[in-house]
Amino acid sequence: MRVSVVLCTHTLDRYDDCRAAAESVLDQTYDDVELILVSDGDEAVYERYETDFGDRENVLTHCNDENIGLLESRNNGASVATGDVVAFIDDDAITDEQWVTELVRAYDRDDTVAVGGRMTPAWVAGKPSFLPEEFYWLVGVTHRGFGPDGNPEEPGEVRNTFGSNISFDREVFLDLGGFDDDIGGRKGEKNLQGGETELCARLRSEYDAGVYYTPDALVAHKIFDYRTDPGWLVDRAFWQGYSKRGMEVFVPESTGEESAFLGDLLFSFVPDRLGGLVRSPSVAALLQLVFLFVLTGAVGVGYLYGMYVWG
């Protein structure tokens, strides 16, 4: 099984991290890996691709005619790929050397058409003591409560994994038309996030299949200093709430997992944290409990704003 990994970036400001991500893909223990490097309309980035990777075996480079955004860039990468499977990572991620091996192992299961893995944090600026694990999804990391049974250590089918650790049978991906570029990123008044959510909702609708989550397929996400700023996290939570409402409008069946997570948050995680705080008081535990409510409130306000905008 040949696996094509699509990696995109749009500016030289991120090139060093992108190059590190590319090298991690090329260092996989699995033999048949193809790397697709996409420059989103930046000729200087494309030239660096050619200089650093142009003579490397199983590497293809592509440059968009103009800046068109991440989702359409990924679609372009998938269109030139030659693999049986097309996988995606971000330009600030580092793959474990067994990542592709674990994805392929999951594809050996019957009727598996999409596979994703676990995102782990690489705290570039240090781990923030106030950020609860229930909200690690704000920084692109697999959170407490994720998984088929709410356990991120257990494999099984989920709606979707993070866009930086997700893969599809390439024929299925192309048949679905790839990512919908109207969903992700800023477009006019839209600030929707979650292109993988919308795509996987269509996957469920047309193929009656979800994404098989395998926690052994590991990708580390670099968490830079700005992502650990409390103000940035609250703003991120607001726009995530807005996005959830937008996704409900575009794909009504797409947000069931968020509702289940909210139930776990209120009736399981909060009581558990309260009990832990009573048993072992600490400043960090108190801050995390407080921030749990702050971020939940920010998501709620964003959702209400989304109702105002989207109806």
C-alpha atoms as a PDB file:
ATOM      1  CA  MET A   1       0.000   0.000   0.000  1.00  0.00           C
ATOM      2  CA  ARG A   2       1.452   3.323  -1.083  1.00  0.00           C
ATOM      3  CA  VAL A   3       0.792   6.298   1.208  1.00  0.00           C
ATOM      4  CA  SER A   4       0.992   9.887  -0.076  1.00  0.00           C
ATOM      5  CA  VAL A   5       1.451  12.530   2.606  1.00  0.00           C
ATOM      6  CA  VAL A   6       0.380  16.077   1.700  1.00  0.00           C
ATOM      7  CA  LEU A   7       2.152  18.943   3.466  1.00  0.00           C
ATOM      8  CA  CYS A   8       1.359  22.592   2.694  1.00  0.00           C
ATOM      9  CA  THR A   9       2.755  25.953   3.708  1.00  0.00           C
ATOM     10  CA  HIS A  10       2.254  29.485   2.417  1.00  0.00           C
ATOM     11  CA  THR A  11       5.154  31.626   3.653  1.00  0.00           C
ATOM     12  CA  LEU A  12       8.881  31.436   4.288  1.00  0.00           C
ATOM     13  CA  ASP A  13       8.148  32.518   7.866  1.00  0.00           C
ATOM     14  CA  ARG A  14       7.012  28.934   8.527  1.00  0.00           C
ATOM     15  CA  TYR A  15       9.469  27.183   6.255  1.00  0.00           C
ATOM     16  CA  ASP A  16      11.889  25.893   8.885  1.00  0.00           C
ATOM     17  CA  ASP A  17       9.050  24.144  10.715  1.00  0.00           C
ATOM     18  CA  CYS A  18       7.661  22.874   7.422  1.00  0.00           C
ATOM     19  CA  ARG A  19      11.050  21.424   6.502  1.00  0.00           C
ATOM     20  CA  ALA A  20      11.246  19.646   9.860  1.00  0.00           C
ATOM     21  CA  ALA A  21       7.782  18.198   9.247  1.00  0.00           C
ATOM     22  CA  ALA A  22       8.861  17.026   5.789  1.00  0.00           C
ATOM     23  CA  GLU A  23      11.984  15.348   7.146  1.00  0.00           C
ATOM     24  CA  SER A  24       9.900  13.496   9.730  1.00  0.00           C
ATOM     25  CA  VAL A  25       7.739  12.103   6.913  1.00  0.00           C
ATOM     26  CA  LEU A  26      10.801  11.028   4.937  1.00  0.00           C
ATOM     27  CA  ASP A  27      12.197   9.295   8.045  1.00  0.00           C
ATOM     28  CA  GLN A  28       9.255   6.895   8.325  1.00  0.00           C
ATOM     29  CA  THR A  29      10.047   3.231   8.883  1.00  0.00           C
ATOM     30  CA  TYR A  30       7.355   2.311   6.362  1.00  0.00           C
ATOM     31  CA  ASP A  31       8.905   1.884   2.911  1.00  0.00           C
ATOM     32  CA  ASP A  32       6.342   3.099   0.382  1.00  0.00           C
ATOM     33  CA  VAL A  33       5.769   6.741   1.347  1.00  0.00           C
ATOM     34  CA  GLU A  34       5.345   9.627  -1.083  1.00  0.00           C
ATOM     35  CA  LEU A  35       5.653  13.228   0.121  1.00  0.00           C
ATOM     36  CA  ILE A  36       3.670  15.961  -1.658  1.00  0.00           C
ATOM     37  CA  LEU A  37       4.904  19.473  -0.841  1.00  0.00           C
ATOM     38  CA  VAL A  38       2.477  22.243  -1.755  1.00  0.00           C
ATOM     39  CA  SER A  39       3.325  25.937  -1.764  1.00  0.00           C
ATOM     40  CA  ASP A  40       0.173  28.017  -1.474  1.00  0.00           C
ATOM     41  CA  GLY A  41       1.038  30.570  -4.142  1.00  0.00           C
ATOM     42  CA  ASP A  42       4.482  31.568  -2.827  1.00  0.00           C
ATOM     43  CA  GLU A  43       7.206  31.101  -5.446  1.00  0.00           C
ATOM     44  CA  ALA A  44       9.960  31.574  -2.850  1.00  0.00           C
ATOM     45  CA  VAL A  45       8.608  28.648  -0.838  1.00  0.00           C
ATOM     46  CA  TYR A  46       8.387  26.538  -3.972  1.00  0.00           C
ATOM     47  CA  GLU A  47      12.011  27.344  -4.820  1.00  0.00           C
ATOM     48  CA  ARG A  48      13.099  26.238  -1.344  1.00  0.00           C
ATOM     49  CA  TYR A  49      11.142  23.014  -1.833  1.00  0.00           C
ATOM     50  CA  GLU A  50      13.021  22.408  -5.051  1.00  0.00           C
ATOM     51  CA  THR A  51      16.402  23.239  -3.493  1.00  0.00           C
ATOM     52  CA  ASP A  52      15.933  21.091  -0.391  1.00  0.00           C
ATOM     53  CA  PHE A  53      13.850  18.209  -1.735  1.00  0.00           C
ATOM     54  CA  GLY A  54      13.873  18.368  -5.527  1.00  0.00           C
ATOM     55  CA  ASP A  55      16.362  15.526  -5.862  1.00  0.00           C
ATOM     56  CA  ARG A  56      14.802  13.342  -3.167  1.00  0.00           C
ATOM     57  CA  GLU A  57      13.144  10.118  -4.229  1.00  0.00           C
ATOM     58  CA  ASN A  58       9.354   9.940  -3.830  1.00  0.00           C
ATOM     59  CA  VAL A  59       8.947  13.703  -3.327  1.00  0.00           C
ATOM     60  CA  LEU A  60       6.651  15.786  -5.532  1.00  0.00           C
ATOM     61  CA  THR A  61       6.443  19.587  -5.348  1.00  0.00           C
ATOM     62  CA  HIS A  62       3.555  21.787  -6.433  1.00  0.00           C
ATOM     63  CA  CYS A  63       2.919  25.531  -6.390  1.00  0.00           C
ATOM     64  CA  ASN A  64      -0.571  27.015  -6.560  1.00  0.00           C
ATOM     65  CA  ASP A  65      -1.050  29.862  -9.025  1.00  0.00           C
ATOM     66  CA  GLU A  66      -2.219  32.058  -6.147  1.00  0.00           C
ATOM     67  CA  ASN A  67      -2.920  31.901  -2.424  1.00  0.00           C
ATOM     68  CA  ILE A  68      -6.088  29.807  -2.119  1.00  0.00           C
ATOM     69  CA  GLY A  69      -6.008  28.531   1.461  1.00  0.00           C
ATOM     70  CA  LEU A  70      -5.126  25.316   3.222  1.00  0.00           C
ATOM     71  CA  LEU A  71      -8.100  23.166   2.248  1.00  0.00           C
ATOM     72  CA  GLU A  72      -7.856  23.782  -1.485  1.00  0.00           C
ATOM     73  CA  SER A  73      -4.075  23.367  -1.260  1.00  0.00           C
ATOM     74  CA  ARG A  74      -4.617  19.954   0.284  1.00  0.00           C
ATOM     75  CA  ASN A  75      -7.035  19.071  -2.500  1.00  0.00           C
ATOM     76  CA  ASN A  76      -4.407  20.052  -5.075  1.00  0.00           C
ATOM     77  CA  GLY A  77      -1.843  17.889  -3.318  1.00  0.00           C
ATOM     78  CA  ALA A  78      -4.198  14.921  -3.292  1.00  0.00           C
ATOM     79  CA  SER A  79      -4.926  15.390  -6.998  1.00  0.00           C
ATOM     80  CA  VAL A  80      -1.253  14.934  -7.959  1.00  0.00           C
ATOM     81  CA  ALA A  81      -0.577  12.162  -5.446  1.00  0.00           C
ATOM     82  CA  THR A  82      -0.086   8.596  -6.658  1.00  0.00           C
ATOM     83  CA  GLY A  83      -0.726   6.696  -3.418  1.00  0.00           C
ATOM     84  CA  ASP A  84      -3.536   4.345  -2.466  1.00  0.00           C
ATOM     85  CA  VAL A  85      -3.968   6.449   0.673  1.00  0.00           C
ATOM     86  CA  VAL A  86      -3.634  10.209   1.032  1.00  0.00           C
ATOM     87  CA  ALA A  87      -2.680  11.537   4.469  1.00  0.00           C
ATOM     88  CA  PHE A  88      -2.427  15.090   5.773  1.00  0.00           C
ATOM     89  CA  ILE A  89      -0.265  16.861   8.353  1.00  0.00           C
ATOM     90  CA  ASP A  90       0.303  20.528   9.177  1.00  0.00           C
ATOM     91  CA  ASP A  91       3.499  22.481   8.679  1.00  0.00           C
ATOM     92  CA  ASP A  92       4.039  22.779  12.456  1.00  0.00           C
ATOM     93  CA  ALA A  93       3.804  19.053  13.152  1.00  0.00           C
ATOM     94  CA  ILE A  94       6.328  16.242  13.579  1.00  0.00           C
ATOM     95  CA  THR A  95       5.369  12.658  12.804  1.00  0.00           C
ATOM     96  CA  ASP A  96       6.481   9.678  14.830  1.00  0.00           C
ATOM     97  CA  GLU A  97       8.634   7.357  12.718  1.00  0.00           C
ATOM     98  CA  GLN A  98       5.986   4.612  13.032  1.00  0.00           C
ATOM     99  CA  TRP A  99       3.112   6.923  12.036  1.00  0.00           C
ATOM    100  CA  VAL A 100       2.513   5.590   8.521  1.00  0.00           C
ATOM    101  CA  THR A 101       3.054   1.999   9.666  1.00  0.00           C
ATOM    102  CA  GLU A 102       0.256   2.420  12.211  1.00  0.00           C
ATOM    103  CA  LEU A 103      -2.056   4.048   9.666  1.00  0.00           C
ATOM    104  CA  VAL A 104      -1.500   1.187   7.220  1.00  0.00           C
ATOM    105  CA  ARG A 105      -2.088  -1.383   9.948  1.00  0.00           C
ATOM    106  CA  ALA A 106      -5.504   0.190  10.532  1.00  0.00           C
ATOM    107  CA  TYR A 107      -6.287   0.131   6.801  1.00  0.00           C
ATOM    108  CA  ASP A 108      -5.768  -3.609   6.850  1.00  0.00           C
ATOM    109  CA  ARG A 109      -9.036  -3.806   8.762  1.00  0.00           C
ATOM    110  CA  ASP A 110     -12.078  -4.689   6.658  1.00  0.00           C
ATOM    111  CA  ASP A 111     -13.974  -1.765   5.105  1.00  0.00           C
ATOM    112  CA  THR A 112     -11.716   0.940   6.539  1.00  0.00           C
ATOM    113  CA  VAL A 113     -11.736   3.989   4.247  1.00  0.00           C
ATOM    114  CA  ALA A 114     -10.347   6.656   6.590  1.00  0.00           C
ATOM    115  CA  VAL A 115      -7.847   6.505   9.448  1.00  0.00           C
ATOM    116  CA  GLY A 116      -6.555   9.093  11.875  1.00  0.00           C
ATOM    117  CA  GLY A 117      -4.263   9.126  14.860  1.00  0.00           C
ATOM    118  CA  ARG A 118      -3.445  10.873  18.072  1.00  0.00           C
ATOM    119  CA  MET A 119      -2.049  14.411  18.381  1.00  0.00           C
ATOM    120  CA  THR A 120       0.424  14.985  21.202  1.00  0.00           C
ATOM    121  CA  PRO A 121       1.688  18.376  22.433  1.00  0.00           C
ATOM    122  CA  ALA A 122       5.201  19.675  21.806  1.00  0.00           C
ATOM    123  CA  TRP A 123       5.243  22.645  24.186  1.00  0.00           C
ATOM    124  CA  VAL A 124       7.683  25.039  22.507  1.00  0.00           C
ATOM    125  CA  ALA A 125       7.060  27.712  25.138  1.00  0.00           C
ATOM    126  CA  GLY A 126       6.422  25.371  28.060  1.00  0.00           C
ATOM    127  CA  LYS A 127       3.217  23.725  29.218  1.00  0.00           C
ATOM    128  CA  PRO A 128       0.731  26.266  30.638  1.00  0.00           C
ATOM    129  CA  SER A 129      -0.360  25.267  34.135  1.00  0.00           C
ATOM    130  CA  PHE A 130      -3.833  26.777  33.711  1.00  0.00           C
ATOM    131  CA  LEU A 131      -4.921  24.922  30.546  1.00  0.00           C
ATOM    132  CA  PRO A 132      -7.137  21.901  31.310  1.00  0.00           C
ATOM    133  CA  GLU A 133      -6.667  18.772  29.207  1.00  0.00           C
ATOM    134  CA  GLU A 134     -10.362  18.876  28.305  1.00  0.00           C
ATOM    135  CA  PHE A 135      -9.566  21.905  26.124  1.00  0.00           C
ATOM    136  CA  TYR A 136      -6.369  20.705  24.499  1.00  0.00           C
ATOM    137  CA  TRP A 137      -8.355  20.609  21.260  1.00  0.00           C
ATOM    138  CA  LEU A 138      -8.036  24.401  21.169  1.00  0.00           C
ATOM    139  CA  VAL A 139      -4.317  23.965  20.458  1.00  0.00           C
ATOM    140  CA  GLY A 140      -4.723  21.026  18.083  1.00  0.00           C
ATOM    141  CA  VAL A 141      -3.975  18.248  20.567  1.00  0.00           C
ATOM    142  CA  THR A 142      -6.049  15.172  21.388  1.00  0.00           C
ATOM    143  CA  HIS A 143      -8.017  16.063  24.501  1.00  0.00           C
ATOM    144  CA  ARG A 144      -9.450  14.320  27.512  1.00  0.00           C
ATOM    145  CA  GLY A 145     -12.768  12.801  26.498  1.00  0.00           C
ATOM    146  CA  PHE A 146     -11.839  12.146  22.866  1.00  0.00           C
ATOM    147  CA  GLY A 147     -12.272   8.689  21.404  1.00  0.00           C
ATOM    148  CA  PRO A 148     -15.003   6.157  20.599  1.00  0.00           C
ATOM    149  CA  ASP A 149     -15.750   5.701  24.320  1.00  0.00           C
ATOM    150  CA  GLY A 150     -14.352   8.979  25.568  1.00  0.00           C
ATOM    151  CA  ASN A 151     -10.930   7.417  26.099  1.00  0.00           C
ATOM    152  CA  PRO A 152      -8.106   8.721  23.873  1.00  0.00           C
ATOM    153  CA  GLU A 153      -6.055   5.601  24.666  1.00  0.00           C
ATOM    154  CA  GLU A 154      -8.568   3.276  22.983  1.00  0.00           C
ATOM    155  CA  PRO A 155      -8.897   2.685  19.207  1.00  0.00           C
ATOM    156  CA  GLY A 156     -12.191   2.665  17.358  1.00  0.00           C
ATOM    157  CA  GLU A 157     -14.409   4.608  14.994  1.00  0.00           C
ATOM    158  CA  VAL A 158     -14.932   8.342  15.537  1.00  0.00           C
ATOM    159  CA  ARG A 159     -16.491  11.109  13.452  1.00  0.00           C
ATOM    160  CA  ASN A 160     -13.105  12.648  12.628  1.00  0.00           C
ATOM    161  CA  THR A 161      -9.621  13.227  13.960  1.00  0.00           C
ATOM    162  CA  PHE A 162      -7.590  16.417  13.693  1.00  0.00           C
ATOM    163  CA  GLY A 163      -6.731  17.627  10.199  1.00  0.00           C
ATOM    164  CA  SER A 164      -3.041  17.287  11.019  1.00  0.00           C
ATOM    165  CA  ASN A 165      -3.374  13.531  11.526  1.00  0.00           C
ATOM    166  CA  ILE A 166      -6.017  12.202   9.170  1.00  0.00           C
ATOM    167  CA  SER A 167      -5.958  10.061   6.041  1.00  0.00           C
ATOM    168  CA  PHE A 168      -8.340   8.654   3.450  1.00  0.00           C
ATOM    169  CA  ASP A 169      -8.489   6.017   0.789  1.00  0.00           C
ATOM    170  CA  ARG A 170      -7.492   8.295  -2.093  1.00  0.00           C
ATOM    171  CA  GLU A 171     -10.265   7.142  -4.432  1.00  0.00           C
ATOM    172  CA  VAL A 172     -12.834   7.779  -1.705  1.00  0.00           C
ATOM    173  CA  PHE A 173     -11.335  11.223  -1.004  1.00  0.00           C
ATOM    174  CA  LEU A 174     -11.482  12.202  -4.669  1.00  0.00           C
ATOM    175  CA  ASP A 175     -14.987  10.764  -5.060  1.00  0.00           C
ATOM    176  CA  LEU A 176     -16.138  12.982  -2.191  1.00  0.00           C
ATOM    177  CA  GLY A 177     -14.583  15.994  -3.911  1.00  0.00           C
ATOM    178  CA  GLY A 178     -12.038  16.544  -1.142  1.00  0.00           C
ATOM    179  CA  PHE A 179     -12.313  19.335   1.393  1.00  0.00           C
ATOM    180  CA  ASP A 180     -14.929  22.039   0.875  1.00  0.00           C
ATOM    181  CA  ASP A 181     -12.925  25.271   0.756  1.00  0.00           C
ATOM    182  CA  ASP A 182     -16.037  27.290   1.641  1.00  0.00           C
ATOM    183  CA  ILE A 183     -15.952  25.741   5.119  1.00  0.00           C
ATOM    184  CA  GLY A 184     -12.454  26.420   6.416  1.00  0.00           C
ATOM    185  CA  GLY A 185     -10.680  29.692   6.974  1.00  0.00           C
ATOM    186  CA  ARG A 186     -11.697  33.329   6.731  1.00  0.00           C
ATOM    187  CA  LYS A 187     -13.928  34.135   3.795  1.00  0.00           C
ATOM    188  CA  GLY A 188     -15.743  37.446   4.094  1.00  0.00           C
ATOM    189  CA  GLU A 189     -17.852  37.296   7.232  1.00  0.00           C
ATOM    190  CA  LYS A 190     -17.117  33.608   7.695  1.00  0.00           C
ATOM    191  CA  ASN A 191     -14.547  32.380  10.169  1.00  0.00           C
ATOM    192  CA  LEU A 192     -15.412  28.705  10.100  1.00  0.00           C
ATOM    193  CA  GLN A 193     -12.978  26.058  11.220  1.00  0.00           C
ATOM    194  CA  GLY A 194     -13.215  22.313  10.816  1.00  0.00           C
ATOM    195  CA  GLY A 195     -12.980  21.354   7.158  1.00  0.00           C
ATOM    196  CA  GLU A 196     -12.264  17.774   8.226  1.00  0.00           C
ATOM    197  CA  THR A 197     -15.525  17.709  10.201  1.00  0.00           C
ATOM    198  CA  GLU A 198     -17.607  18.624   7.160  1.00  0.00           C
ATOM    199  CA  LEU A 199     -15.747  16.179   4.912  1.00  0.00           C
ATOM    200  CA  CYS A 200     -16.197  13.343   7.393  1.00  0.00           C
ATOM    201  CA  ALA A 201     -19.895  14.144   7.697  1.00  0.00           C
ATOM    202  CA  ARG A 202     -20.138  13.607   3.928  1.00  0.00           C
ATOM    203  CA  LEU A 203     -18.099  10.423   4.312  1.00  0.00           C
ATOM    204  CA  ARG A 204     -20.669   9.144   6.803  1.00  0.00           C
ATOM    205  CA  SER A 205     -23.558  10.173   4.564  1.00  0.00           C
ATOM    206  CA  GLU A 206     -22.229   8.640   1.347  1.00  0.00           C
ATOM    207  CA  TYR A 207     -20.174   5.680   2.594  1.00  0.00           C
ATOM    208  CA  ASP A 208     -21.801   5.004   5.974  1.00  0.00           C
ATOM    209  CA  ALA A 209     -18.328   5.064   7.497  1.00  0.00           C
ATOM    210  CA  GLY A 210     -16.404   7.111  10.013  1.00  0.00           C
ATOM    211  CA  VAL A 211     -12.703   7.552  10.691  1.00  0.00           C
ATOM    212  CA  TYR A 212     -10.929   4.704  12.433  1.00  0.00           C
ATOM    213  CA  TYR A 213      -8.952   6.253  15.283  1.00  0.00           C
ATOM    214  CA  THR A 214      -5.686   4.532  16.166  1.00  0.00           C
ATOM    215  CA  PRO A 215      -3.898   6.181  19.114  1.00  0.00           C
ATOM    216  CA  ASP A 216      -0.595   4.548  18.160  1.00  0.00           C
ATOM    217  CA  ALA A 217      -0.353   6.702  15.011  1.00  0.00           C
ATOM    218  CA  LEU A 218       1.302   9.680  16.683  1.00  0.00           C
ATOM    219  CA  VAL A 219       1.881  13.212  15.430  1.00  0.00           C
ATOM    220  CA  ALA A 220       3.318  15.918  17.686  1.00  0.00           C
ATOM    221  CA  HIS A 221       1.916  19.439  17.294  1.00  0.00           C
ATOM    222  CA  LYS A 222       4.231  22.326  18.136  1.00  0.00           C
ATOM    223  CA  ILE A 223       2.523  24.710  20.564  1.00  0.00           C
ATOM    224  CA  PHE A 224       4.155  28.109  20.137  1.00  0.00           C
ATOM    225  CA  ASP A 225       4.075  30.806  22.810  1.00  0.00           C
ATOM    226  CA  TYR A 226       1.133  32.757  21.371  1.00  0.00           C
ATOM    227  CA  ARG A 227      -1.042  29.631  21.628  1.00  0.00           C
ATOM    228  CA  THR A 228      -0.507  29.527  25.394  1.00  0.00           C
ATOM    229  CA  ASP A 229      -1.668  33.112  25.928  1.00  0.00           C
ATOM    230  CA  PRO A 230      -4.975  33.132  27.886  1.00  0.00           C
ATOM    231  CA  GLY A 231      -6.428  35.870  25.686  1.00  0.00           C
ATOM    232  CA  TRP A 232      -5.633  33.944  22.511  1.00  0.00           C
ATOM    233  CA  LEU A 233      -7.218  30.791  23.947  1.00  0.00           C
ATOM    234  CA  VAL A 234     -10.423  32.596  24.919  1.00  0.00           C
ATOM    235  CA  ASP A 235     -10.638  34.158  21.458  1.00  0.00           C
ATOM    236  CA  ARG A 236     -10.005  30.757  19.894  1.00  0.00           C
ATOM    237  CA  ALA A 237     -12.732  29.214  22.035  1.00  0.00           C
ATOM    238  CA  PHE A 238     -15.185  31.920  20.933  1.00  0.00           C
ATOM    239  CA  TRP A 239     -14.549  31.264  17.240  1.00  0.00           C
ATOM    240  CA  GLN A 240     -14.743  27.536  17.778  1.00  0.00           C
ATOM    241  CA  GLY A 241     -18.204  28.029  19.235  1.00  0.00           C
ATOM    242  CA  TYR A 242     -19.121  30.179  16.256  1.00  0.00           C
ATOM    243  CA  SER A 243     -17.811  27.471  13.940  1.00  0.00           C
ATOM    244  CA  LYS A 244     -19.895  24.791  15.654  1.00  0.00           C
ATOM    245  CA  ARG A 245     -23.044  26.755  14.908  1.00  0.00           C
ATOM    246  CA  GLY A 246     -21.932  27.318  11.326  1.00  0.00           C
ATOM    247  CA  MET A 247     -21.269  23.616  10.903  1.00  0.00           C
ATOM    248  CA  GLU A 248     -24.765  22.836  12.183  1.00  0.00           C
ATOM    249  CA  VAL A 249     -26.169  25.027   9.428  1.00  0.00           C
ATOM    250  CA  PHE A 250     -24.024  23.496   6.680  1.00  0.00           C
ATOM    251  CA  VAL A 251     -24.094  19.920   7.966  1.00  0.00           C
ATOM    252  CA  PRO A 252     -26.886  19.450  10.544  1.00  0.00           C
ATOM    253  CA  GLU A 253     -25.661  15.999  11.632  1.00  0.00           C
ATOM    254  CA  SER A 254     -22.055  17.089  12.193  1.00  0.00           C
ATOM    255  CA  THR A 255     -22.011  18.292  15.815  1.00  0.00           C
ATOM    256  CA  GLY A 256     -23.269  15.341  17.838  1.00  0.00           C
ATOM    257  CA  GLU A 257     -19.846  14.662  19.329  1.00  0.00           C
ATOM    258  CA  GLU A 258     -19.630  18.216  20.682  1.00  0.00           C
ATOM    259  CA  SER A 259     -22.964  17.749  22.471  1.00  0.00           C
ATOM    260  CA  ALA A 260     -21.735  14.500  24.006  1.00  0.00           C
ATOM    261  CA  PHE A 261     -18.481  16.190  25.050  1.00  0.00           C
ATOM    262  CA  LEU A 262     -20.408  19.003  26.748  1.00  0.00           C
ATOM    263  CA  GLY A 263     -22.376  16.433  28.720  1.00  0.00           C
ATOM    264  CA  ASP A 264     -19.177  14.704  29.826  1.00  0.00           C
ATOM    265  CA  LEU A 265     -17.669  18.068  30.698  1.00  0.00           C
ATOM    266  CA  LEU A 266     -20.515  19.154  32.949  1.00  0.00           C
ATOM    267  CA  PHE A 267     -21.454  15.861  34.539  1.00  0.00           C
ATOM    268  CA  SER A 268     -18.170  13.968  34.674  1.00  0.00           C
ATOM    269  CA  PHE A 269     -15.059  16.109  34.247  1.00  0.00           C
ATOM    270  CA  VAL A 270     -16.127  19.067  36.412  1.00  0.00           C
ATOM    271  CA  PRO A 271     -17.244  16.884  39.370  1.00  0.00           C
ATOM    272  CA  ASP A 272     -14.041  14.865  39.017  1.00  0.00           C
ATOM    273  CA  ARG A 273     -11.939  18.027  39.107  1.00  0.00           C
ATOM    274  CA  LEU A 274     -13.857  19.384  42.087  1.00  0.00           C
ATOM    275  CA  GLY A 275     -13.233  16.172  43.970  1.00  0.00           C
ATOM    276  CA  GLY A 276      -9.562  16.230  43.065  1.00  0.00           C
ATOM    277  CA  LEU A 277      -9.264  19.831  44.206  1.00  0.00           C
ATOM    278  CA  VAL A 278     -10.769  18.944  47.584  1.00  0.00           C
ATOM    279  CA  ARG A 279      -8.487  15.933  48.002  1.00  0.00           C
ATOM    280  CA  SER A 280      -5.303  17.614  46.781  1.00  0.00           C
ATOM    281  CA  PRO A 281      -5.599  21.421  46.721  1.00  0.00           C
ATOM    282  CA  SER A 282      -3.199  23.268  44.412  1.00  0.00           C
ATOM    283  CA  VAL A 283      -3.052  26.560  42.576  1.00  0.00           C
ATOM    284  CA  ALA A 284      -2.712  24.794  39.208  1.00  0.00           C
ATOM    285  CA  ALA A 285      -5.783  22.621  39.859  1.00  0.00           C
ATOM    286  CA  LEU A 286      -7.825  25.669  40.862  1.00  0.00           C
ATOM    287  CA  LEU A 287      -6.701  27.649  37.803  1.00  0.00           C
ATOM    288  CA  GLN A 288      -7.585  24.761  35.496  1.00  0.00           C
ATOM    289  CA  LEU A 289     -11.049  24.461  37.026  1.00  0.00           C
ATOM    290  CA  VAL A 290     -11.647  28.201  36.648  1.00  0.00           C
ATOM    291  CA  PHE A 291     -10.353  28.200  33.076  1.00  0.00           C
ATOM    292  CA  LEU A 292     -12.571  25.208  32.293  1.00  0.00           C
ATOM    293  CA  PHE A 293     -15.599  27.406  32.985  1.00  0.00           C
ATOM    294  CA  VAL A 294     -14.090  30.443  31.225  1.00  0.00           C
ATOM    295  CA  LEU A 295     -13.414  28.518  28.011  1.00  0.00           C
ATOM    296  CA  THR A 296     -16.769  26.753  28.121  1.00  0.00           C
ATOM    297  CA  GLY A 297     -18.418  30.161  28.455  1.00  0.00           C
ATOM    298  CA  ALA A 298     -16.413  31.553  25.534  1.00  0.00           C
ATOM    299  CA  VAL A 299     -17.494  28.640  23.338  1.00  0.00           C
ATOM    300  CA  GLY A 300     -21.101  29.243  24.398  1.00  0.00           C
ATOM    301  CA  VAL A 301     -20.963  32.957  23.585  1.00  0.00           C
ATOM    302  CA  GLY A 302     -19.413  32.161  20.209  1.00  0.00           C
ATOM    303  CA  TYR A 303     -22.168  29.653  19.527  1.00  0.00           C
ATOM    304  CA  LEU A 304     -24.829  32.253  20.380  1.00  0.00           C
ATOM    305  CA  TYR A 305     -23.125  34.740  18.070  1.00  0.00           C
ATOM    306  CA  GLY A 306     -23.164  32.066  15.394  1.00  0.00           C
ATOM    307  CA  MET A 307     -26.916  31.669  15.920  1.00  0.00           C
ATOM    308  CA  TYR A 308     -27.288  35.419  15.368  1.00  0.00           C
ATOM    309  CA  VAL A 309     -25.191  35.338  12.204  1.00  0.00           C
ATOM    310  CA  TRP A 310     -26.256  32.007  10.734  1.00  0.00           C
ATOM    311  CA  GLY A 311     -29.769  31.782  12.116  1.00  0.00           C
END
